[in-house]
């Protein structure tokens, strides 16, 4: 396999977040499939459909020049022979800030292609509940009803 081919959906996901942290459009787009059925929704953003719009959306994010570090938690994965759905919480740290931003919940869908596992959808939304606080505060659920 070539360098941009991923043996597992998890390999593709690691490459996705590595490209995100490096703000590297070329590496980012090596993770994505090359068809026009791609979908990407950034937090509070519009639906970007197709390779050119998805690529441009990443280019715009990376042009902002904000360096980020991701800690992924609360992973849920469902996989078949050719589709993988990963729902994760993105705990994002901005360069120079020791505290994470409010968490983002992301759905990442990968498809097995002739070039290995490739991303076909990334949908990220602000989280309503901080999962770390929820785990450490047993009475929180009582206040939500």
Protein backbone atom coordinates (compact mmCIF):
# COMPACT_ATOMS: atom_id res chain seq x y z
CA UNK A 1 0.00 0.00 0.00
CA UNK A 2 1.03 3.57 -0.59
CA UNK A 3 1.59 6.03 2.26
CA UNK A 4 -1.89 7.53 1.91
CA UNK A 5 -3.70 4.18 2.05
CA UNK A 6 -5.07 3.08 5.39
CA UNK A 7 -5.44 -0.58 6.40
CA UNK A 8 -8.14 0.17 8.98
CA UNK A 9 -10.68 2.89 9.65
CA UNK A 10 -8.80 3.59 12.88
CA UNK A 11 -5.61 4.23 10.88
CA UNK A 12 -7.54 6.74 8.76
CA UNK A 13 -8.89 8.43 11.89
CA UNK A 14 -5.43 8.80 13.41
CA UNK A 15 -4.24 10.37 10.13
CA UNK A 16 -7.29 12.68 10.10
CA UNK A 17 -6.54 14.15 13.53
CA UNK A 18 -2.79 14.30 12.81
CA UNK A 19 -3.47 16.33 9.63
CA UNK A 20 -5.89 18.52 11.60
CA UNK A 21 -3.26 19.25 14.27
CA UNK A 22 -0.64 20.00 11.61
CA UNK A 23 -3.08 22.18 9.61
CA UNK A 24 -1.98 20.31 6.50
CA UNK A 25 -4.58 20.36 3.69
CA UNK A 26 -2.67 17.85 1.56
CA UNK A 27 -2.44 15.31 4.40
CA UNK A 28 -6.06 15.99 5.35
CA UNK A 29 -7.35 15.29 1.86
CA UNK A 30 -5.35 12.04 1.64
CA UNK A 31 -7.68 10.76 4.37
CA UNK A 32 -10.82 11.60 2.38
CA UNK A 33 -12.33 9.56 -0.46
CA UNK A 34 -12.16 11.27 -3.84
CA UNK A 35 -15.82 11.14 -4.86
CA UNK A 36 -18.46 13.84 -4.86
CA UNK A 37 -20.66 12.17 -2.23
CA UNK A 38 -18.46 13.47 0.59
CA UNK A 39 -20.04 15.50 3.37
CA UNK A 40 -18.35 17.71 5.95
CA UNK A 41 -20.05 19.88 8.55
CA UNK A 42 -17.84 21.89 10.88
CA UNK A 43 -19.28 23.08 14.22
CA UNK A 44 -22.10 25.56 13.61
CA UNK A 45 -21.25 25.43 9.90
CA UNK A 46 -22.92 24.71 6.60
CA UNK A 47 -22.97 21.38 4.77
CA UNK A 48 -19.97 21.07 2.47
CA UNK A 49 -20.69 18.44 -0.16
CA UNK A 50 -18.23 17.13 -2.71
CA UNK A 51 -14.47 17.01 -2.89
CA UNK A 52 -13.89 20.64 -3.90
CA UNK A 53 -16.11 22.14 -1.18
CA UNK A 54 -14.73 19.83 1.51
CA UNK A 55 -11.16 20.68 0.47
CA UNK A 56 -11.90 24.42 0.49
CA UNK A 57 -13.52 24.19 3.93
CA UNK A 58 -10.33 22.69 5.37
CA UNK A 59 -8.18 25.22 3.54
CA UNK A 60 -10.16 28.06 5.16
CA UNK A 61 -9.90 26.54 8.64
CA UNK A 62 -6.16 26.02 8.31
CA UNK A 63 -5.61 29.55 6.94
CA UNK A 64 -6.84 30.89 10.28
CA UNK A 65 -3.50 29.66 11.65
CA UNK A 66 -4.81 28.42 15.00
CA UNK A 67 -2.80 25.45 16.20
CA UNK A 68 -4.88 22.81 17.96
CA UNK A 69 -4.24 19.61 19.86
CA UNK A 70 -6.93 16.93 20.10
CA UNK A 71 -7.62 14.47 22.86
CA UNK A 72 -10.28 12.03 21.71
CA UNK A 73 -12.59 10.43 24.28
CA UNK A 74 -15.94 8.68 24.61
CA UNK A 75 -15.37 6.72 21.42
CA UNK A 76 -18.22 4.62 20.04
CA UNK A 77 -17.56 2.52 16.96
CA UNK A 78 -19.75 0.47 14.68
CA UNK A 79 -18.13 -1.33 11.76
CA UNK A 80 -19.11 -3.65 8.94
CA UNK A 81 -16.88 -5.10 6.26
CA UNK A 82 -16.84 -1.85 4.29
CA UNK A 83 -18.30 0.96 6.46
CA UNK A 84 -17.10 2.28 9.82
CA UNK A 85 -18.94 4.82 11.95
CA UNK A 86 -16.96 6.47 14.72
CA UNK A 87 -18.64 8.86 17.15
CA UNK A 88 -16.12 10.63 19.35
CA UNK A 89 -15.77 13.57 21.69
CA UNK A 90 -13.07 15.98 20.55
CA UNK A 91 -11.40 17.71 23.50
CA UNK A 92 -9.58 20.56 21.78
CA UNK A 93 -6.68 22.50 23.25
CA UNK A 94 -5.57 25.70 21.53
CA UNK A 95 -1.81 26.31 21.40
CA UNK A 96 -0.71 28.00 24.63
CA UNK A 97 -3.96 27.41 26.53
CA UNK A 98 -3.82 24.65 29.20
CA UNK A 99 -7.61 24.28 29.39
CA UNK A 100 -9.63 22.58 26.66
CA UNK A 101 -12.34 24.33 24.71
CA UNK A 102 -15.90 23.12 25.22
CA UNK A 103 -16.10 19.59 23.82
CA UNK A 104 -17.18 18.83 20.28
CA UNK A 105 -19.03 15.64 19.35
CA UNK A 106 -17.99 14.33 15.94
CA UNK A 107 -19.31 11.59 13.72
CA UNK A 108 -16.67 10.26 11.33
CA UNK A 109 -17.72 7.76 8.69
CA UNK A 110 -15.19 5.76 6.69
CA UNK A 111 -15.65 3.53 3.64
CA UNK A 112 -13.38 0.76 2.43
CA UNK A 113 -12.25 1.70 -1.08
CA UNK A 114 -9.72 0.33 -3.56
CA UNK A 115 -7.25 2.74 -1.91
CA UNK A 116 -7.93 1.51 1.64
CA UNK A 117 -10.19 3.10 4.26
CA UNK A 118 -11.23 6.66 3.42
CA UNK A 119 -13.38 9.23 5.18
CA UNK A 120 -16.70 10.05 3.54
CA UNK A 121 -18.29 12.14 6.29
CA UNK A 122 -17.19 14.33 9.19
CA UNK A 123 -19.92 16.07 11.16
CA UNK A 124 -18.89 18.01 14.26
CA UNK A 125 -21.23 19.77 16.68
CA UNK A 126 -20.80 21.48 20.05
CA UNK A 127 -21.56 19.13 22.93
CA UNK A 128 -24.45 20.00 25.22
CA UNK A 129 -22.96 18.18 28.21
CA UNK A 130 -19.31 18.00 29.15
CA UNK A 131 -18.73 14.21 29.36
CA UNK A 132 -15.90 14.61 31.88
CA UNK A 133 -18.13 16.61 34.23
CA UNK A 134 -20.95 14.10 33.73
CA UNK A 135 -18.72 11.19 34.81
CA UNK A 136 -17.41 13.01 37.89
CA UNK A 137 -20.75 14.47 39.01
CA UNK A 138 -23.22 11.66 39.73
CA UNK A 139 -26.04 14.08 40.60
CA UNK A 140 -25.90 15.89 37.26
CA UNK A 141 -28.48 13.60 35.66
CA UNK A 142 -31.04 14.50 38.35
CA UNK A 143 -30.78 18.17 37.36
CA UNK A 144 -31.40 17.42 33.70
CA UNK A 145 -34.91 16.00 34.11
